[in-house]
Protein backbone atom coordinates (compact mmCIF):
# COMPACT_ATOMS: atom_id res chain seq x y z
CA UNK A 1 47.87 5.09 34.27
CA UNK A 2 45.51 5.47 37.20
CA UNK A 3 41.83 5.44 36.34
CA UNK A 4 39.35 7.29 38.51
CA UNK A 5 36.69 4.79 37.42
CA UNK A 6 37.77 1.23 36.73
CA UNK A 7 34.23 0.09 35.94
CA UNK A 8 33.31 2.60 33.26
CA UNK A 9 32.46 0.79 30.02
CA UNK A 10 31.85 2.53 26.70
CA UNK A 11 29.62 0.58 24.30
CA UNK A 12 30.57 1.21 20.67
CA UNK A 13 27.60 0.70 18.36
CA UNK A 14 23.96 0.66 19.40
CA UNK A 15 22.47 -1.91 17.07
CA UNK A 16 21.04 -5.24 18.23
CA UNK A 17 24.26 -6.35 19.93
CA UNK A 18 24.85 -2.91 21.47
CA UNK A 19 21.40 -2.98 23.04
CA UNK A 20 22.11 -6.47 24.36
CA UNK A 21 25.38 -5.22 25.89
CA UNK A 22 23.57 -2.26 27.46
CA UNK A 23 20.92 -4.51 28.97
CA UNK A 24 23.53 -6.92 30.34
CA UNK A 25 25.94 -4.31 31.74
CA UNK A 26 23.17 -2.29 33.35
CA UNK A 27 22.54 -5.25 35.66
CA UNK A 28 26.20 -5.39 36.68
CA UNK A 29 26.37 -2.00 38.41
CA UNK A 30 28.77 -0.63 35.81
CA UNK A 31 29.06 2.98 34.73
CA UNK A 32 27.98 2.97 31.09
CA UNK A 33 28.41 5.36 28.20
CA UNK A 34 27.32 4.66 24.63
CA UNK A 35 28.46 5.68 21.15
CA UNK A 36 26.95 5.31 17.70
CA UNK A 37 28.28 6.97 14.57
CA UNK A 38 25.05 6.56 12.59
CA UNK A 39 22.48 7.77 15.13
CA UNK A 40 21.52 11.24 16.32
CA UNK A 41 21.66 12.28 19.97
CA UNK A 42 17.87 12.27 20.07
CA UNK A 43 17.82 8.70 18.78
CA UNK A 44 20.40 7.60 21.38
CA UNK A 45 18.37 9.28 24.12
CA UNK A 46 15.30 7.38 22.96
CA UNK A 47 17.15 4.05 22.86
CA UNK A 48 18.70 4.48 26.30
CA UNK A 49 15.80 6.18 28.11
CA UNK A 50 15.14 3.18 30.37
CA UNK A 51 18.80 2.81 31.39
CA UNK A 52 21.21 4.84 33.48
CA UNK A 53 23.78 6.06 30.96
CA UNK A 54 26.47 8.60 31.85
CA UNK A 55 27.44 9.90 28.39
CA UNK A 56 26.08 9.73 24.84
CA UNK A 57 28.52 10.10 21.95
CA UNK A 58 28.01 10.46 18.20
CA UNK A 59 30.22 11.49 15.28
CA UNK A 60 33.69 10.28 14.33
CA UNK A 61 34.94 7.46 16.56
CA UNK A 62 38.51 8.66 15.95
CA UNK A 63 37.73 11.86 17.86
CA UNK A 64 36.50 10.14 21.01
CA UNK A 65 38.42 10.78 24.22
CA UNK A 66 38.84 7.64 26.32
CA UNK A 67 39.86 9.17 29.66
CA UNK A 68 38.11 7.51 32.61
CA UNK A 69 37.08 4.57 30.41
CA UNK A 70 38.20 1.13 31.59
CA UNK A 71 36.85 -0.90 28.66
CA UNK A 72 35.19 -0.46 25.30
CA UNK A 73 32.60 -3.10 24.44
CA UNK A 74 32.56 -3.30 20.65
CA UNK A 75 29.54 -4.31 18.59
CA UNK A 76 30.29 -6.42 15.47
CA UNK A 77 29.26 -3.59 13.14
CA UNK A 78 31.94 -1.19 14.44
CA UNK A 79 35.38 -1.20 12.84
CA UNK A 80 38.23 -0.01 15.02
CA UNK A 81 40.95 1.59 12.92
CA UNK A 82 44.57 1.14 13.98
CA UNK A 83 44.70 4.76 15.20
CA UNK A 84 41.83 4.13 17.60
CA UNK A 85 43.40 0.89 18.82
CA UNK A 86 46.64 2.75 19.51
CA UNK A 87 44.75 5.42 21.44
CA UNK A 88 43.00 2.74 23.51
CA UNK A 89 46.29 1.01 24.21
CA UNK A 90 47.89 4.29 25.26
CA UNK A 91 45.04 4.91 27.69
CA UNK A 92 45.14 1.30 28.98
CA UNK A 93 41.59 0.70 27.78
CA UNK A 94 40.65 -2.95 27.28
CA UNK A 95 38.79 -3.97 24.10
CA UNK A 96 36.04 -6.51 24.81
CA UNK A 97 32.87 -7.83 23.20
CA UNK A 98 29.86 -9.94 24.12
CA UNK A 99 31.83 -13.18 23.70
CA UNK A 100 34.31 -11.95 26.31
CA UNK A 101 31.48 -11.31 28.77
CA UNK A 102 29.87 -14.67 28.00
CA UNK A 103 33.18 -16.39 28.77
CA UNK A 104 33.12 -14.86 32.25
CA UNK A 105 29.50 -15.90 32.81
CA UNK A 106 29.89 -19.58 31.89
CA UNK A 107 33.29 -20.17 33.46
CA UNK A 108 33.12 -23.38 35.49
CA UNK A 109 29.83 -24.55 33.98
CA UNK A 110 29.30 -27.91 32.27
CA UNK A 111 27.70 -26.49 29.16
CA UNK A 112 29.20 -27.58 25.85
CA UNK A 113 30.05 -24.87 23.31
CA UNK A 114 30.01 -25.35 19.55
CA UNK A 115 31.28 -22.45 17.46
CA UNK A 116 30.49 -22.20 13.75
CA UNK A 117 32.19 -19.84 11.32
CA UNK A 118 32.85 -19.62 7.60
CA UNK A 119 31.98 -17.32 4.75
CA UNK A 120 28.85 -19.28 3.86
CA UNK A 121 26.56 -21.86 5.46
CA UNK A 122 26.87 -20.77 9.11
CA UNK A 123 23.19 -20.28 9.89
CA UNK A 124 22.10 -23.47 8.13
CA UNK A 125 24.77 -25.51 9.92
CA UNK A 126 23.92 -24.04 13.34
CA UNK A 127 20.24 -24.81 12.73
CA UNK A 128 21.00 -28.39 11.65
CA UNK A 129 23.08 -29.00 14.78
CA UNK A 130 20.32 -27.69 17.03
CA UNK A 131 17.72 -29.74 15.14
CA UNK A 132 19.72 -32.97 15.46
CA UNK A 133 20.46 -32.45 19.16
CA UNK A 134 16.86 -31.65 20.05
CA UNK A 135 15.73 -34.77 18.17
CA UNK A 136 17.56 -36.89 20.72
CA UNK A 137 16.59 -34.96 23.83
CA UNK A 138 19.78 -32.90 24.14
CA UNK A 139 18.84 -29.36 25.14
CA UNK A 140 20.43 -26.91 22.72
CA UNK A 141 20.09 -23.30 21.63
CA UNK A 142 21.63 -21.13 18.89
CA UNK A 143 22.85 -17.55 19.41
CA UNK A 144 25.25 -15.09 17.83
CA UNK A 145 25.39 -13.91 14.26
CA UNK A 146 22.21 -15.89 13.56
CA UNK A 147 20.24 -12.98 15.02
CA UNK A 148 20.02 -13.53 18.80
CA UNK A 149 22.88 -11.82 20.69
CA UNK A 150 24.88 -14.21 22.85
CA UNK A 151 24.23 -12.37 26.11
CA UNK A 152 20.47 -12.64 25.60
CA UNK A 153 20.69 -16.35 26.40
CA UNK A 154 21.66 -15.56 30.02
CA UNK A 155 21.04 -16.87 32.56
CA UNK A 156 21.75 -20.29 31.05
CA UNK A 157 19.59 -22.84 32.79
CA UNK A 158 19.05 -26.50 31.91
CA UNK A 159 20.95 -26.17 28.65
CA UNK A 160 23.33 -28.90 27.48
CA UNK A 161 24.79 -27.27 24.36
CA UNK A 162 25.13 -23.68 23.22
CA UNK A 163 25.79 -23.22 19.50
CA UNK A 164 27.27 -19.86 18.50
CA UNK A 165 27.32 -18.54 14.94
CA UNK A 166 30.43 -16.41 14.62
CA UNK A 167 31.30 -13.73 12.09
CA UNK A 168 34.81 -12.48 11.40
CA UNK A 169 33.80 -9.24 13.16
CA UNK A 170 33.20 -11.11 16.42
CA UNK A 171 36.31 -13.25 16.09
CA UNK A 172 38.78 -10.43 15.44
CA UNK A 173 38.54 -9.43 19.15
CA UNK A 174 40.20 -11.75 21.68
CA UNK A 175 37.43 -13.05 23.93
CA UNK A 176 39.15 -15.96 25.76
CA UNK A 177 36.00 -18.01 25.09
CA UNK A 178 36.94 -21.69 24.67
CA UNK A 179 34.87 -23.99 22.46
CA UNK A 180 34.49 -27.74 22.77
CA UNK A 181 34.20 -27.87 18.99
CA UNK A 182 34.92 -25.18 16.40
CA UNK A 183 33.68 -25.61 12.83
CA UNK A 184 35.16 -23.70 9.90
CA UNK A 185 32.97 -24.36 6.87
CA UNK A 186 34.83 -22.41 4.17
CA UNK A 187 36.65 -19.16 3.53
CA UNK A 188 36.27 -17.02 0.43
CA UNK A 189 36.41 -13.30 -0.28
CA UNK A 190 33.91 -11.33 1.78
CA UNK A 191 33.81 -8.19 3.92
CA UNK A 192 36.92 -6.79 2.22
CA UNK A 193 35.33 -3.39 2.79
CA UNK A 194 35.78 -4.09 6.52
CA UNK A 195 39.04 -6.06 6.69
CA UNK A 196 42.27 -4.60 5.36
CA UNK A 197 43.01 -7.72 3.28
CA UNK A 198 41.89 -11.26 2.60
CA UNK A 199 44.74 -12.43 4.85
CA UNK A 200 43.33 -10.37 7.75
CA UNK A 201 39.91 -11.88 7.10
CA UNK A 202 41.37 -15.42 7.23
CA UNK A 203 43.25 -14.65 10.44
CA UNK A 204 40.06 -13.41 12.12
CA UNK A 205 38.31 -16.65 11.16
CA UNK A 206 41.25 -18.71 12.42
CA UNK A 207 40.76 -17.40 15.97
CA UNK A 208 37.89 -19.88 16.41
CA UNK A 209 40.20 -22.71 15.36
CA UNK A 210 42.85 -21.58 17.84
CA UNK A 211 40.33 -21.40 20.69
CA UNK A 212 38.68 -24.81 20.14
CA UNK A 213 39.65 -28.09 21.78
CA UNK A 214 38.38 -30.07 18.78
CA UNK A 215 38.09 -28.67 15.28
CA UNK A 216 36.12 -29.48 12.15
CA UNK A 217 37.36 -28.09 8.82
CA UNK A 218 36.36 -28.24 5.17
CA UNK A 219 39.20 -30.12 3.52
CA UNK A 220 37.95 -29.12 0.07
CA UNK A 221 38.89 -25.51 0.83
CA UNK A 222 42.59 -24.90 0.04
CA UNK A 223 42.61 -21.93 2.43
CA UNK A 224 42.21 -24.40 5.30
CA UNK A 225 44.71 -27.12 4.39
CA UNK A 226 47.43 -25.95 6.75
CA UNK A 227 44.96 -25.81 9.66
CA UNK A 228 44.89 -29.59 10.02
CA UNK A 229 46.37 -31.06 13.21
CA UNK A 230 45.83 -34.00 15.55
CA UNK A 231 42.76 -32.35 17.09
CA UNK A 232 41.13 -31.66 13.72
CA UNK A 233 38.61 -33.75 11.81
CA UNK A 234 38.34 -32.91 8.11
CA UNK A 235 35.19 -33.18 6.03
CA UNK A 236 35.13 -33.55 2.26
CA UNK A 237 32.56 -33.93 -0.50
CA UNK A 238 34.97 -36.37 -2.14
CA UNK A 239 36.36 -39.70 -1.00
CA UNK A 240 39.51 -39.15 -3.05
CA UNK A 241 41.20 -36.62 -0.79
CA UNK A 242 44.34 -37.62 1.08
CA UNK A 243 43.21 -36.43 4.49
CA UNK A 244 39.43 -36.39 5.06
CA UNK A 245 38.14 -38.09 8.18
CA UNK A 246 34.56 -37.74 6.93
CA UNK A 247 33.69 -37.97 3.25
CA UNK A 248 30.75 -38.24 0.88
CA UNK A 249 30.16 -41.27 -1.30
CA UNK A 250 27.27 -42.54 -3.39
CA UNK A 251 25.65 -45.95 -3.55
CA UNK A 252 22.69 -46.61 -5.90
CA UNK A 253 22.58 -42.81 -6.43
CA UNK A 254 22.10 -42.26 -2.69
CA UNK A 255 24.55 -40.01 -0.80
CA UNK A 256 26.25 -41.49 2.27
CA UNK A 257 28.41 -39.90 4.95
CA UNK A 258 31.29 -42.15 5.93
CA UNK A 259 34.43 -41.96 8.02
CA UNK A 260 37.67 -43.92 8.11
CA UNK A 261 36.53 -45.99 11.11
CA UNK A 262 33.48 -47.63 9.51
CA UNK A 263 30.80 -45.06 10.37
CA UNK A 264 28.11 -44.71 7.70
CA UNK A 265 24.94 -42.63 7.45
CA UNK A 266 22.39 -42.38 4.62
CA UNK A 267 21.86 -38.69 3.74
CA UNK A 268 19.28 -39.25 1.00
CA UNK A 269 16.39 -38.05 3.18
CA UNK A 270 17.79 -34.52 3.33
CA UNK A 271 15.45 -32.04 1.66
CA UNK A 272 18.10 -29.34 1.29
CA UNK A 273 19.16 -28.30 -2.20
CA UNK A 274 22.77 -28.65 -3.32
CA UNK A 275 25.92 -30.52 -2.33
CA UNK A 276 27.03 -27.53 -0.26
CA UNK A 277 24.08 -28.25 2.03
CA UNK A 278 25.01 -31.93 2.18
CA UNK A 279 28.39 -30.67 3.37
CA UNK A 280 26.67 -28.58 6.06
CA UNK A 281 24.87 -31.72 7.26
CA UNK A 282 28.13 -33.67 7.27
CA UNK A 283 29.98 -30.98 9.24
CA UNK A 284 27.11 -30.83 11.74
CA UNK A 285 27.21 -34.57 12.38
CA UNK A 286 31.01 -34.55 12.64
CA UNK A 287 30.83 -31.81 15.28
CA UNK A 288 28.16 -33.59 17.31
CA UNK A 289 30.09 -36.88 17.23
CA UNK A 290 33.20 -35.02 18.44
CA UNK A 291 31.33 -34.24 21.68
CA UNK A 292 28.83 -37.08 22.05
CA UNK A 293 30.57 -40.33 21.23
CA UNK A 294 27.35 -42.30 21.75
CA UNK A 295 25.15 -40.04 19.64
CA UNK A 296 22.59 -42.31 17.95
CA UNK A 297 22.95 -41.23 14.34
CA UNK A 298 20.69 -44.06 13.14
CA UNK A 299 17.76 -42.19 14.68
CA UNK A 300 18.39 -39.00 12.70
CA UNK A 301 15.34 -37.83 10.73
CA UNK A 302 16.83 -35.49 8.13
CA UNK A 303 13.59 -35.30 6.16
CA UNK A 304 12.04 -33.21 8.94
CA UNK A 305 14.58 -30.40 8.53
CA UNK A 306 13.14 -28.09 5.88
CA UNK A 307 15.83 -25.43 5.68
CA UNK A 308 16.10 -21.75 6.58
CA UNK A 309 14.20 -18.81 5.04
CA UNK A 310 16.15 -16.83 2.43
CA UNK A 311 18.58 -19.71 1.83
CA UNK A 312 17.57 -21.46 -1.40
CA UNK A 313 13.98 -21.13 -0.19
CA UNK A 314 11.41 -22.38 -2.68
CA UNK A 315 8.76 -19.66 -3.14
CA UNK A 316 6.28 -20.96 -5.73
CA UNK A 317 5.84 -22.65 -9.08
CA UNK A 318 4.03 -20.76 -11.87
CA UNK A 319 3.57 -22.11 -15.40
CA UNK A 320 6.16 -24.76 -14.62
CA UNK A 321 8.76 -22.17 -13.52
CA UNK A 322 10.17 -22.54 -10.00
CA UNK A 323 11.15 -19.43 -8.02
CA UNK A 324 13.84 -19.63 -5.32
CA UNK A 325 14.81 -16.99 -2.75
CA UNK A 326 18.51 -17.08 -1.83
CA UNK A 327 18.74 -13.52 -0.53
CA UNK A 328 21.25 -14.59 2.13
CA UNK A 329 23.79 -15.04 -0.69
CA UNK A 330 25.69 -11.86 0.13
CA UNK A 331 28.97 -12.90 -1.52
CA UNK A 332 30.25 -14.48 -4.73
CA UNK A 333 30.96 -17.95 -3.30
CA UNK A 334 27.44 -18.28 -1.95
CA UNK A 335 25.89 -17.43 -5.32
CA UNK A 336 28.16 -19.95 -7.07
CA UNK A 337 27.00 -22.64 -4.61
CA UNK A 338 23.36 -21.72 -5.27
CA UNK A 339 23.75 -21.90 -9.04
CA UNK A 340 25.57 -25.23 -8.78
CA UNK A 341 22.59 -26.59 -6.83
CA UNK A 342 20.56 -26.44 -10.06
CA UNK A 343 23.20 -27.71 -12.48
CA UNK A 344 20.60 -29.57 -14.57
CA UNK A 345 18.28 -26.56 -14.98
CA UNK A 346 18.25 -23.35 -16.98
CA UNK A 347 18.57 -20.45 -14.54
CA UNK A 348 17.42 -16.83 -14.70
CA UNK A 349 19.37 -14.97 -12.04
CA UNK A 350 18.84 -11.78 -10.03
CA UNK A 351 22.10 -10.28 -8.74
CA UNK A 352 23.38 -6.97 -7.41
CA UNK A 353 23.53 -4.69 -4.40
CA UNK A 354 26.70 -3.67 -2.56
CA UNK A 355 29.47 -5.92 -3.92
CA UNK A 356 31.84 -5.04 -1.06
CA UNK A 357 34.87 -4.79 -3.36
CA UNK A 358 34.75 -8.50 -4.21
CA UNK A 359 36.33 -9.74 -7.40
CA UNK A 360 33.55 -10.75 -9.81
CA UNK A 361 35.89 -12.96 -11.85
CA UNK A 362 34.82 -16.28 -10.21
CA UNK A 363 31.27 -15.69 -11.48
CA UNK A 364 32.34 -15.81 -15.13
CA UNK A 365 32.76 -19.59 -15.08
CA UNK A 366 29.22 -20.31 -13.85
CA UNK A 367 27.76 -17.78 -16.27
CA UNK A 368 29.05 -19.97 -19.08
CA UNK A 369 27.17 -22.97 -17.69
CA UNK A 370 23.40 -22.83 -17.38
CA UNK A 371 22.62 -19.13 -16.80
CA UNK A 372 20.20 -17.88 -19.44
CA UNK A 373 19.54 -14.32 -18.29
CA UNK A 374 20.51 -11.89 -15.53
CA UNK A 375 18.50 -9.08 -13.95
CA UNK A 376 20.65 -6.60 -12.02
CA UNK A 377 19.56 -4.52 -9.06
CA UNK A 378 21.19 -2.20 -6.52
CA UNK A 379 24.03 0.30 -6.48
CA UNK A 380 26.69 -1.89 -8.12
CA UNK A 381 24.51 -3.13 -10.99
CA UNK A 382 26.63 -1.20 -13.50
CA UNK A 383 29.79 -2.92 -12.25
CA UNK A 384 28.20 -6.32 -12.89
CA UNK A 385 26.92 -5.19 -16.28
CA UNK A 386 30.36 -3.96 -17.37
CA UNK A 387 31.99 -7.20 -16.18
CA UNK A 388 29.63 -9.54 -18.04
CA UNK A 389 28.51 -7.53 -21.07
CA UNK A 390 30.99 -9.35 -23.32
CA UNK A 391 29.03 -12.59 -22.85
CA UNK A 392 26.73 -12.33 -25.87
CA UNK A 393 24.80 -15.50 -24.99
CA UNK A 394 23.31 -13.82 -21.92
CA UNK A 395 20.33 -11.50 -21.71
CA UNK A 396 21.44 -8.89 -19.16
CA UNK A 397 19.34 -5.96 -17.99
CA UNK A 398 19.90 -3.34 -15.30
CA UNK A 399 16.46 -3.44 -13.71
CA UNK A 400 17.48 -1.31 -10.72
CA UNK A 401 14.58 -2.50 -8.52
CA UNK A 402 13.14 -5.88 -7.56
CA UNK A 403 9.69 -5.75 -9.15
CA UNK A 404 11.13 -4.94 -12.57
CA UNK A 405 13.74 -7.71 -12.16
CA UNK A 406 11.14 -10.34 -11.33
CA UNK A 407 8.90 -9.34 -14.26
CA UNK A 408 11.83 -9.27 -16.70
CA UNK A 409 13.03 -12.78 -15.83
CA UNK A 410 9.51 -14.20 -15.74
CA UNK A 411 9.00 -12.94 -19.30
CA UNK A 412 12.06 -14.90 -20.44
CA UNK A 413 11.72 -18.09 -18.39
CA UNK A 414 10.22 -21.25 -19.84
CA UNK A 415 8.68 -24.37 -18.30
CA UNK A 416 11.14 -26.29 -16.03
CA UNK A 417 13.39 -23.20 -15.70
CA UNK A 418 14.49 -21.63 -12.41
CA UNK A 419 14.18 -17.97 -11.44
CA UNK A 420 16.72 -17.45 -8.67
CA UNK A 421 17.41 -14.48 -6.42
CA UNK A 422 21.03 -14.97 -5.36
CA UNK A 423 22.52 -11.46 -5.30
CA UNK A 424 26.20 -12.11 -4.43
CA UNK A 425 26.02 -8.74 -2.66
CA UNK A 426 25.07 -7.09 0.58
CA UNK A 427 21.52 -5.72 0.69
CA UNK A 428 22.24 -2.61 2.75
CA UNK A 429 22.39 -0.24 -0.20
CA UNK A 430 18.63 -0.65 -0.76
CA UNK A 431 17.16 -2.66 2.15
CA UNK A 432 17.40 -2.84 5.92
CA UNK A 433 18.83 -6.38 5.61
CA UNK A 434 18.85 -9.50 3.42
CA UNK A 435 15.53 -10.61 4.91
CA UNK A 436 13.78 -7.47 3.67
CA UNK A 437 15.31 -8.07 0.23
CA UNK A 438 14.11 -11.67 0.21
CA UNK A 439 10.65 -10.65 1.36
CA UNK A 440 10.49 -8.10 -1.47
CA UNK A 441 11.38 -10.84 -3.96
CA UNK A 442 8.74 -13.19 -2.54
CA UNK A 443 6.11 -10.46 -2.57
CA UNK A 444 6.73 -9.69 -6.23
CA UNK A 445 6.87 -13.37 -7.20
CA UNK A 446 3.51 -13.95 -5.55
CA UNK A 447 2.01 -11.00 -7.49
CA UNK A 448 2.79 -12.69 -10.81
CA UNK A 449 -0.14 -14.11 -12.72
């Protein structure tokens, strides 16, 4: 089909990434139109007032007409149903995203790309990699799902390594971006309200693996076992696995990272809570060594890396009770990892929000361990309450809001106990994002006397 305008791009979704796309494309002399289902025309006019935009669209994406559109640039928050994809295909409209445009920008450059995906641990791992590289004078930056859109890094000048945190939403669109190393940390149920099935979710994640020259995988995750090939290095928290190239072992109660070729690194200086964070450190080092064979691991100062806000973040101690903010735990697996980080402590847990159709069954096992009480918040609190009400050893209360939840658990907690916000749910039913939820928790904790 002949197009009257082969450079007309429609941006779908005008959140942070959509604005980044608009800013980038406006410098490329493209004809631009924008769409957002959740914004009014007045809001779109306000957002785009400093740009030359041909058309503004709102409403149902299925009703859009794609004549005279050459490409749609999709923001991660926009789901394209099969009917829309068929319509785009029929009109010969290409589906692209910011990764696709980045691939064009860096083609032929010497910059190294590290991609990081997984259900949990992405931001922490990206931050560890950047921290370790900067320690040794290697210029690195992190972009992507961590909060800074990938195109905002342009133009790339004097940068040795670009680390990209990748969600399944970004990876489900073919971008042709090739990574020197791709890390897959884990895969568990998440975003099933967005993906048609768990299999579709896994396949989206696997696109990073397919587009990476070298790969790092979590060998403890059975969903990843068949991903192993000659270009893959596996990482395990156990030295008893058949396949791991890197594994964790203990000597005099100190954790050590080792590989099959005699490499060894003391991890005891890490200040991060939980074995899952030791794994994130291990995966980070494995990825760096895959690129920089002469990386001086002996000079690593893990004690100087203090972690990321809203990820098992210590808030305060009051009357011998420690309060931790793990608001980034937006799925079941992340909450399980958080609870397991305090296996020798009694825990009083805040959960709830938008459960995203996850199965709550995996939580039942940890609730039988060291959980003393649960305060529930958010729209799916009743679902949690119905699921766990049969556990008579637990004190469970639907507190609905954060301040009541914090006060309830504080009234039950004793010296040396932990009060932990680890919701296992999205925050968007009640907050703008997980950060706002974590800040609300911290505010209420700091009001306690």
